[in-house]
Amino acid sequence: MEIRVVGQNIERAIKLLKREAEKEGLFRELKKRRFYEKPSVKKKNKQREAQKKRAKNARFRRQYGHRSRPAG
Protein backbone atom coordinates (compact mmCIF):
# COMPACT_ATOMS: atom_id res chain seq x y z
CA MET A 1 0.00 0.00 0.00
CA GLU A 2 1.35 3.38 -0.96
CA ILE A 3 -0.08 6.82 -0.22
CA ARG A 4 1.53 9.89 -1.75
CA VAL A 5 1.38 13.31 -0.14
CA VAL A 6 0.63 15.99 -2.71
CA GLY A 7 1.89 19.39 -1.61
CA GLN A 8 1.36 19.96 2.10
CA ASN A 9 -1.97 18.12 2.32
CA ILE A 10 -1.02 15.63 5.05
CA GLU A 11 -4.54 15.41 6.52
CA ARG A 12 -5.89 14.15 3.20
CA ALA A 13 -3.07 11.60 2.94
CA ILE A 14 -3.87 10.31 6.44
CA LYS A 15 -7.55 10.05 5.51
CA LEU A 16 -6.65 8.05 2.39
CA LEU A 17 -4.35 5.81 4.43
CA LYS A 18 -7.12 5.07 6.92
CA ARG A 19 -9.60 4.35 4.13
CA GLU A 20 -7.19 1.94 2.40
CA ALA A 21 -6.36 0.19 5.68
CA GLU A 22 -10.07 -0.22 6.43
CA LYS A 23 -10.74 -1.57 2.94
CA GLU A 24 -7.98 -4.17 3.31
CA GLY A 25 -9.31 -5.25 6.73
CA LEU A 26 -6.20 -4.16 8.62
CA PHE A 27 -8.06 -2.71 11.60
CA ARG A 28 -10.27 -5.79 11.90
CA GLU A 29 -7.18 -8.02 11.82
CA LEU A 30 -5.40 -5.95 14.47
CA LYS A 31 -8.45 -6.06 16.74
CA LYS A 32 -8.73 -9.82 16.26
CA ARG A 33 -5.05 -10.40 17.10
CA ARG A 34 -4.92 -8.06 20.08
CA PHE A 35 -5.33 -11.00 22.48
CA TYR A 36 -4.61 -14.70 22.17
CA GLU A 37 -7.61 -16.68 21.01
CA LYS A 38 -7.84 -20.33 22.04
CA PRO A 39 -8.29 -22.75 19.14
CA SER A 40 -11.74 -23.77 20.42
CA VAL A 41 -12.86 -20.13 20.55
CA LYS A 42 -11.33 -19.47 17.13
CA LYS A 43 -13.29 -22.42 15.69
CA LYS A 44 -16.52 -21.22 17.32
CA ASN A 45 -16.05 -17.69 15.94
CA LYS A 46 -15.29 -19.04 12.48
CA GLN A 47 -18.50 -21.09 12.55
CA ARG A 48 -20.49 -18.06 13.73
CA GLU A 49 -19.10 -15.92 10.89
CA ALA A 50 -19.92 -18.66 8.36
CA GLN A 51 -23.50 -18.82 9.69
CA LYS A 52 -23.85 -15.03 9.37
CA LYS A 53 -22.54 -15.21 5.80
CA ARG A 54 -25.00 -17.99 4.90
CA ALA A 55 -27.90 -16.00 6.39
CA LYS A 56 -26.88 -12.89 4.48
CA ASN A 57 -26.64 -14.83 1.21
CA ALA A 58 -30.05 -16.42 1.85
CA ARG A 59 -31.57 -12.97 2.47
CA PHE A 60 -30.05 -11.72 -0.75
CA ARG A 61 -31.37 -14.69 -2.73
CA ARG A 62 -34.88 -14.25 -1.28
CA GLN A 63 -34.87 -10.54 -2.07
CA TYR A 64 -33.52 -10.72 -5.63
CA GLY A 65 -34.44 -14.24 -6.72
CA HIS A 66 -31.87 -16.79 -7.85
CA ARG A 67 -29.84 -14.45 -10.02
CA SER A 68 -26.12 -14.37 -9.34
CA ARG A 69 -24.62 -11.38 -7.58
CA PRO A 70 -23.42 -8.56 -9.81
CA ALA A 71 -19.63 -8.50 -10.26
CA GLY A 72 -17.98 -5.67 -8.50
PDB file of N, CA and C in Angstrom:
ATOM      1  N   MET A   1       0.857  -1.165   0.000  1.00  0.00           N
ATOM      2  CA  MET A   1       0.000   0.000   0.000  1.00  0.00           C
ATOM      3  C   MET A   1       0.905   1.229   0.000  1.00  0.00           C
ATOM      4  N   GLU A   2       0.553   2.172  -0.855  1.00  0.00           N
ATOM      5  CA  GLU A   2       1.350   3.383  -0.963  1.00  0.00           C
ATOM      6  C   GLU A   2       0.423   4.585  -1.049  1.00  0.00           C
ATOM      7  N   ILE A   3       0.679   5.582  -0.215  1.00  0.00           N
ATOM      8  CA  ILE A   3      -0.083   6.824  -0.215  1.00  0.00           C
ATOM      9  C   ILE A   3       0.911   7.955  -0.442  1.00  0.00           C
ATOM     10  N   ARG A   4       0.642   8.769  -1.446  1.00  0.00           N
ATOM     11  CA  ARG A   4       1.533   9.889  -1.748  1.00  0.00           C
ATOM     12  C   ARG A   4       0.937  11.185  -1.221  1.00  0.00           C
ATOM     13  N   VAL A   5       1.795  12.009  -0.643  1.00  0.00           N
ATOM     14  CA  VAL A   5       1.380  13.313  -0.139  1.00  0.00           C
ATOM     15  C   VAL A   5       1.622  14.329  -1.248  1.00  0.00           C
ATOM     16  N   VAL A   6       0.536  14.984  -1.666  1.00  0.00           N
ATOM     17  CA  VAL A   6       0.631  15.994  -2.710  1.00  0.00           C
ATOM     18  C   VAL A   6       0.661  17.354  -2.033  1.00  0.00           C
ATOM     19  N   GLY A   7       1.742  18.083  -2.247  1.00  0.00           N
ATOM     20  CA  GLY A   7       1.886  19.391  -1.607  1.00  0.00           C
ATOM     21  C   GLY A   7       2.028  19.219  -0.104  1.00  0.00           C
ATOM     22  N   GLN A   8       1.306  20.012   0.634  1.00  0.00           N
ATOM     23  CA  GLN A   8       1.361  19.958   2.099  1.00  0.00           C
ATOM     24  C   GLN A   8       0.087  19.370   2.692  1.00  0.00           C
ATOM     25  N   ASN A   9      -0.669  18.624   1.898  1.00  0.00           N
ATOM     26  CA  ASN A   9      -1.970  18.120   2.321  1.00  0.00           C
ATOM     27  C   ASN A   9      -1.820  16.784   3.059  1.00  0.00           C
ATOM     28  N   ILE A  10      -1.261  16.833   4.269  1.00  0.00           N
ATOM     29  CA  ILE A  10      -1.019  15.627   5.049  1.00  0.00           C
ATOM     30  C   ILE A  10      -2.319  15.054   5.598  1.00  0.00           C
ATOM     31  N   GLU A  11      -3.272  15.903   5.980  1.00  0.00           N
ATOM     32  CA  GLU A  11      -4.543  15.411   6.518  1.00  0.00           C
ATOM     33  C   GLU A  11      -5.266  14.528   5.502  1.00  0.00           C
ATOM     34  N   ARG A  12      -5.245  14.948   4.248  1.00  0.00           N
ATOM     35  CA  ARG A  12      -5.893  14.151   3.204  1.00  0.00           C
ATOM     36  C   ARG A  12      -5.176  12.812   3.009  1.00  0.00           C
ATOM     37  N   ALA A  13      -3.845  12.838   3.082  1.00  0.00           N
ATOM     38  CA  ALA A  13      -3.072  11.603   2.945  1.00  0.00           C
ATOM     39  C   ALA A  13      -3.382  10.644   4.084  1.00  0.00           C
ATOM     40  N   ILE A  14      -3.527  11.157   5.295  1.00  0.00           N
ATOM     41  CA  ILE A  14      -3.873  10.315   6.443  1.00  0.00           C
ATOM     42  C   ILE A  14      -5.262   9.721   6.258  1.00  0.00           C
ATOM     43  N   LYS A  15      -6.183  10.525   5.763  1.00  0.00           N
ATOM     44  CA  LYS A  15      -7.548  10.053   5.510  1.00  0.00           C
ATOM     45  C   LYS A  15      -7.544   8.920   4.482  1.00  0.00           C
ATOM     46  N   LEU A  16      -6.767   9.096   3.407  1.00  0.00           N
ATOM     47  CA  LEU A  16      -6.652   8.055   2.386  1.00  0.00           C
ATOM     48  C   LEU A  16      -6.024   6.788   2.958  1.00  0.00           C
ATOM     49  N   LEU A  17      -5.005   6.956   3.803  1.00  0.00           N
ATOM     50  CA  LEU A  17      -4.347   5.809   4.428  1.00  0.00           C
ATOM     51  C   LEU A  17      -5.329   5.025   5.286  1.00  0.00           C
ATOM     52  N   LYS A  18      -6.128   5.732   6.081  1.00  0.00           N
ATOM     53  CA  LYS A  18      -7.118   5.071   6.923  1.00  0.00           C
ATOM     54  C   LYS A  18      -8.158   4.343   6.083  1.00  0.00           C
ATOM     55  N   ARG A  19      -8.594   4.968   5.009  1.00  0.00           N
ATOM     56  CA  ARG A  19      -9.595   4.354   4.132  1.00  0.00           C
ATOM     57  C   ARG A  19      -9.048   3.070   3.499  1.00  0.00           C
ATOM     58  N   GLU A  20      -7.807   3.121   3.014  1.00  0.00           N
ATOM     59  CA  GLU A  20      -7.188   1.944   2.401  1.00  0.00           C
ATOM     60  C   GLU A  20      -6.999   0.827   3.431  1.00  0.00           C
ATOM     61  N   ALA A  21      -6.562   1.187   4.634  1.00  0.00           N
ATOM     62  CA  ALA A  21      -6.358   0.188   5.685  1.00  0.00           C
ATOM     63  C   ALA A  21      -7.682  -0.467   6.055  1.00  0.00           C
ATOM     64  N   GLU A  22      -8.741   0.311   6.122  1.00  0.00           N
ATOM     65  CA  GLU A  22     -10.070  -0.221   6.427  1.00  0.00           C
ATOM     66  C   GLU A  22     -10.538  -1.161   5.321  1.00  0.00           C
ATOM     67  N   LYS A  23     -10.305  -0.769   4.074  1.00  0.00           N
ATOM     68  CA  LYS A  23     -10.735  -1.573   2.942  1.00  0.00           C
ATOM     69  C   LYS A  23     -10.012  -2.922   2.922  1.00  0.00           C
ATOM     70  N   GLU A  24      -8.751  -2.936   3.306  1.00  0.00           N
ATOM     71  CA  GLU A  24      -7.981  -4.171   3.308  1.00  0.00           C
ATOM     72  C   GLU A  24      -8.234  -5.011   4.551  1.00  0.00           C
ATOM     73  N   GLY A  25      -8.990  -4.490   5.525  1.00  0.00           N
ATOM     74  CA  GLY A  25      -9.306  -5.253   6.729  1.00  0.00           C
ATOM     75  C   GLY A  25      -8.201  -5.217   7.772  1.00  0.00           C
ATOM     76  N   LEU A  26      -7.322  -4.250   7.693  1.00  0.00           N
ATOM     77  CA  LEU A  26      -6.199  -4.164   8.617  1.00  0.00           C
ATOM     78  C   LEU A  26      -6.664  -3.931  10.051  1.00  0.00           C
ATOM     79  N   PHE A  27      -7.601  -3.023  10.251  1.00  0.00           N
ATOM     80  CA  PHE A  27      -8.060  -2.713  11.602  1.00  0.00           C
ATOM     81  C   PHE A  27      -8.776  -3.907  12.223  1.00  0.00           C
ATOM     82  N   ARG A  28      -9.561  -4.607  11.415  1.00  0.00           N
ATOM     83  CA  ARG A  28     -10.271  -5.792  11.904  1.00  0.00           C
ATOM     84  C   ARG A  28      -9.265  -6.860  12.333  1.00  0.00           C
ATOM     85  N   GLU A  29      -8.219  -7.026  11.524  1.00  0.00           N
ATOM     86  CA  GLU A  29      -7.184  -8.020  11.823  1.00  0.00           C
ATOM     87  C   GLU A  29      -6.429  -7.651  13.095  1.00  0.00           C
ATOM     88  N   LEU A  30      -6.096  -6.382  13.264  1.00  0.00           N
ATOM     89  CA  LEU A  30      -5.400  -5.946  14.471  1.00  0.00           C
ATOM     90  C   LEU A  30      -6.259  -6.177  15.709  1.00  0.00           C
ATOM     91  N   LYS A  31      -7.536  -5.862  15.609  1.00  0.00           N
ATOM     92  CA  LYS A  31      -8.448  -6.058  16.737  1.00  0.00           C
ATOM     93  C   LYS A  31      -8.548  -7.540  17.078  1.00  0.00           C
ATOM     94  N   LYS A  32      -8.605  -8.385  16.053  1.00  0.00           N
ATOM     95  CA  LYS A  32      -8.730  -9.821  16.262  1.00  0.00           C
ATOM     96  C   LYS A  32      -7.474 -10.394  16.923  1.00  0.00           C
ATOM     97  N   ARG A  33      -6.310  -9.871  16.580  1.00  0.00           N
ATOM     98  CA  ARG A  33      -5.046 -10.400  17.097  1.00  0.00           C
ATOM     99  C   ARG A  33      -4.559  -9.698  18.365  1.00  0.00           C
ATOM    100  N   ARG A  34      -5.348  -8.798  18.904  1.00  0.00           N
ATOM    101  CA  ARG A  34      -4.921  -8.058  20.076  1.00  0.00           C
ATOM    102  C   ARG A  34      -4.648  -8.994  21.253  1.00  0.00           C
ATOM    103  N   PHE A  35      -5.493 -10.030  21.404  1.00  0.00           N
ATOM    104  CA  PHE A  35      -5.334 -10.996  22.475  1.00  0.00           C
ATOM    105  C   PHE A  35      -5.293 -12.392  21.889  1.00  0.00           C
ATOM    106  N   TYR A  36      -4.670 -13.320  22.609  1.00  0.00           N
ATOM    107  CA  TYR A  36      -4.606 -14.695  22.167  1.00  0.00           C
ATOM    108  C   TYR A  36      -6.009 -15.293  22.163  1.00  0.00           C
ATOM    109  N   GLU A  37      -6.306 -16.041  21.128  1.00  0.00           N
ATOM    110  CA  GLU A  37      -7.608 -16.680  21.007  1.00  0.00           C
ATOM    111  C   GLU A  37      -7.380 -18.188  21.003  1.00  0.00           C
ATOM    112  N   LYS A  38      -7.989 -18.879  21.971  1.00  0.00           N
ATOM    113  CA  LYS A  38      -7.835 -20.326  22.045  1.00  0.00           C
ATOM    114  C   LYS A  38      -8.385 -20.960  20.771  1.00  0.00           C
ATOM    115  N   PRO A  39      -7.814 -22.091  20.362  1.00  0.00           N
ATOM    116  CA  PRO A  39      -8.289 -22.749  19.143  1.00  0.00           C
ATOM    117  C   PRO A  39      -9.786 -23.072  19.174  1.00  0.00           C
ATOM    118  N   SER A  40     -10.315 -23.453  20.335  1.00  0.00           N
ATOM    119  CA  SER A  40     -11.745 -23.768  20.415  1.00  0.00           C
ATOM    120  C   SER A  40     -12.588 -22.511  20.193  1.00  0.00           C
ATOM    121  N   VAL A  41     -12.151 -21.397  20.726  1.00  0.00           N
ATOM    122  CA  VAL A  41     -12.864 -20.129  20.546  1.00  0.00           C
ATOM    123  C   VAL A  41     -12.741 -19.669  19.099  1.00  0.00           C
ATOM    124  N   LYS A  42     -11.556 -19.849  18.522  1.00  0.00           N
ATOM    125  CA  LYS A  42     -11.331 -19.473  17.132  1.00  0.00           C
ATOM    126  C   LYS A  42     -12.274 -20.257  16.208  1.00  0.00           C
ATOM    127  N   LYS A  43     -12.409 -21.564  16.487  1.00  0.00           N
ATOM    128  CA  LYS A  43     -13.294 -22.420  15.688  1.00  0.00           C
ATOM    129  C   LYS A  43     -14.741 -21.973  15.829  1.00  0.00           C
ATOM    130  N   LYS A  44     -15.151 -21.647  17.062  1.00  0.00           N
ATOM    131  CA  LYS A  44     -16.524 -21.215  17.317  1.00  0.00           C
ATOM    132  C   LYS A  44     -16.818 -19.899  16.589  1.00  0.00           C
ATOM    133  N   ASN A  45     -15.864 -18.969  16.627  1.00  0.00           N
ATOM    134  CA  ASN A  45     -16.048 -17.686  15.941  1.00  0.00           C
ATOM    135  C   ASN A  45     -16.113 -17.868  14.431  1.00  0.00           C
ATOM    136  N   LYS A  46     -15.289 -18.774  13.908  1.00  0.00           N
ATOM    137  CA  LYS A  46     -15.291 -19.038  12.476  1.00  0.00           C
ATOM    138  C   LYS A  46     -16.639 -19.615  12.051  1.00  0.00           C
ATOM    139  N   GLN A  47     -17.196 -20.515  12.852  1.00  0.00           N
ATOM    140  CA  GLN A  47     -18.501 -21.088  12.551  1.00  0.00           C
ATOM    141  C   GLN A  47     -19.596 -20.024  12.617  1.00  0.00           C
ATOM    142  N   ARG A  48     -19.509 -19.132  13.600  1.00  0.00           N
ATOM    143  CA  ARG A  48     -20.490 -18.060  13.732  1.00  0.00           C
ATOM    144  C   ARG A  48     -20.453 -17.139  12.525  1.00  0.00           C
ATOM    145  N   GLU A  49     -19.241 -16.781  12.068  1.00  0.00           N
ATOM    146  CA  GLU A  49     -19.104 -15.924  10.894  1.00  0.00           C
ATOM    147  C   GLU A  49     -19.651 -16.614   9.643  1.00  0.00           C
ATOM    148  N   ALA A  50     -19.403 -17.923   9.506  1.00  0.00           N
ATOM    149  CA  ALA A  50     -19.920 -18.663   8.358  1.00  0.00           C
ATOM    150  C   ALA A  50     -21.440 -18.675   8.377  1.00  0.00           C
ATOM    151  N   GLN A  51     -22.042 -18.831   9.567  1.00  0.00           N
ATOM    152  CA  GLN A  51     -23.502 -18.816   9.687  1.00  0.00           C
ATOM    153  C   GLN A  51     -24.064 -17.450   9.298  1.00  0.00           C
ATOM    154  N   LYS A  52     -23.404 -16.379   9.738  1.00  0.00           N
ATOM    155  CA  LYS A  52     -23.850 -15.034   9.373  1.00  0.00           C
ATOM    156  C   LYS A  52     -23.775 -14.831   7.867  1.00  0.00           C
ATOM    157  N   LYS A  53     -22.708 -15.342   7.246  1.00  0.00           N
ATOM    158  CA  LYS A  53     -22.542 -15.206   5.799  1.00  0.00           C
ATOM    159  C   LYS A  53     -23.628 -15.979   5.054  1.00  0.00           C
ATOM    160  N   ARG A  54     -23.937 -17.200   5.529  1.00  0.00           N
ATOM    161  CA  ARG A  54     -24.999 -17.985   4.900  1.00  0.00           C
ATOM    162  C   ARG A  54     -26.349 -17.283   5.017  1.00  0.00           C
ATOM    163  N   ALA A  55     -26.632 -16.704   6.188  1.00  0.00           N
ATOM    164  CA  ALA A  55     -27.898 -16.004   6.394  1.00  0.00           C
ATOM    165  C   ALA A  55     -27.992 -14.782   5.482  1.00  0.00           C
ATOM    166  N   LYS A  56     -26.891 -14.063   5.341  1.00  0.00           N
ATOM    167  CA  LYS A  56     -26.878 -12.885   4.476  1.00  0.00           C
ATOM    168  C   LYS A  56     -27.109 -13.289   3.023  1.00  0.00           C
ATOM    169  N   ASN A  57     -26.451 -14.362   2.582  1.00  0.00           N
ATOM    170  CA  ASN A  57     -26.639 -14.835   1.211  1.00  0.00           C
ATOM    171  C   ASN A  57     -28.078 -15.296   0.989  1.00  0.00           C
ATOM    172  N   ALA A  58     -28.662 -15.966   1.971  1.00  0.00           N
ATOM    173  CA  ALA A  58     -30.049 -16.425   1.846  1.00  0.00           C
ATOM    174  C   ALA A  58     -30.990 -15.226   1.742  1.00  0.00           C
ATOM    175  N   ARG A  59     -30.750 -14.191   2.544  1.00  0.00           N
ATOM    176  CA  ARG A  59     -31.570 -12.973   2.473  1.00  0.00           C
ATOM    177  C   ARG A  59     -31.472 -12.356   1.090  1.00  0.00           C
ATOM    178  N   PHE A  60     -30.272 -12.304   0.566  1.00  0.00           N
ATOM    179  CA  PHE A  60     -30.047 -11.716  -0.749  1.00  0.00           C
ATOM    180  C   PHE A  60     -30.789 -12.506  -1.819  1.00  0.00           C
ATOM    181  N   ARG A  61     -30.692 -13.846  -1.745  1.00  0.00           N
ATOM    182  CA  ARG A  61     -31.375 -14.687  -2.729  1.00  0.00           C
ATOM    183  C   ARG A  61     -32.884 -14.537  -2.643  1.00  0.00           C
ATOM    184  N   ARG A  62     -33.432 -14.437  -1.425  1.00  0.00           N
ATOM    185  CA  ARG A  62     -34.878 -14.249  -1.275  1.00  0.00           C
ATOM    186  C   ARG A  62     -35.317 -12.906  -1.845  1.00  0.00           C
ATOM    187  N   GLN A  63     -34.510 -11.886  -1.642  1.00  0.00           N
ATOM    188  CA  GLN A  63     -34.874 -10.543  -2.072  1.00  0.00           C
ATOM    189  C   GLN A  63     -34.795 -10.383  -3.589  1.00  0.00           C
ATOM    190  N   TYR A  64     -33.749 -10.959  -4.206  1.00  0.00           N
ATOM    191  CA  TYR A  64     -33.518 -10.721  -5.630  1.00  0.00           C
ATOM    192  C   TYR A  64     -33.708 -11.963  -6.491  1.00  0.00           C
ATOM    193  N   GLY A  65     -34.249 -13.017  -5.939  1.00  0.00           N
ATOM    194  CA  GLY A  65     -34.437 -14.236  -6.723  1.00  0.00           C
ATOM    195  C   GLY A  65     -33.150 -15.029  -6.785  1.00  0.00           C
ATOM    196  N   HIS A  66     -33.049 -15.910  -7.768  1.00  0.00           N
ATOM    197  CA  HIS A  66     -31.866 -16.789  -7.849  1.00  0.00           C
ATOM    198  C   HIS A  66     -30.820 -16.272  -8.805  1.00  0.00           C
ATOM    199  N   ARG A  67     -30.877 -15.011  -9.163  1.00  0.00           N
ATOM    200  CA  ARG A  67     -29.838 -14.447 -10.018  1.00  0.00           C
ATOM    201  C   ARG A  67     -28.512 -14.395  -9.257  1.00  0.00           C
ATOM    202  N   SER A  68     -27.440 -14.461  -9.989  1.00  0.00           N
ATOM    203  CA  SER A  68     -26.122 -14.374  -9.343  1.00  0.00           C
ATOM    204  C   SER A  68     -25.865 -12.916  -8.957  1.00  0.00           C
ATOM    205  N   ARG A  69     -24.959 -12.730  -8.022  1.00  0.00           N
ATOM    206  CA  ARG A  69     -24.618 -11.381  -7.576  1.00  0.00           C
ATOM    207  C   ARG A  69     -23.898 -10.634  -8.682  1.00  0.00           C
ATOM    208  N   PRO A  70     -24.130  -9.352  -8.799  1.00  0.00           N
ATOM    209  CA  PRO A  70     -23.418  -8.560  -9.806  1.00  0.00           C
ATOM    210  C   PRO A  70     -21.932  -8.500  -9.468  1.00  0.00           C
ATOM    211  N   ALA A  71     -21.088  -8.582 -10.475  1.00  0.00           N
ATOM    212  CA  ALA A  71     -19.634  -8.501 -10.265  1.00  0.00           C
ATOM    213  C   ALA A  71     -19.276  -7.092  -9.823  1.00  0.00           C
ATOM    214  N   GLY A  72     -18.351  -7.011  -8.888  1.00  0.00           N
ATOM    215  CA  GLY A  72     -17.975  -5.667  -8.500  1.00  0.00           C
ATOM    216  C   GLY A  72     -17.331  -5.651  -7.248  1.00  0.00           C
TER     217      GLY A  72
END
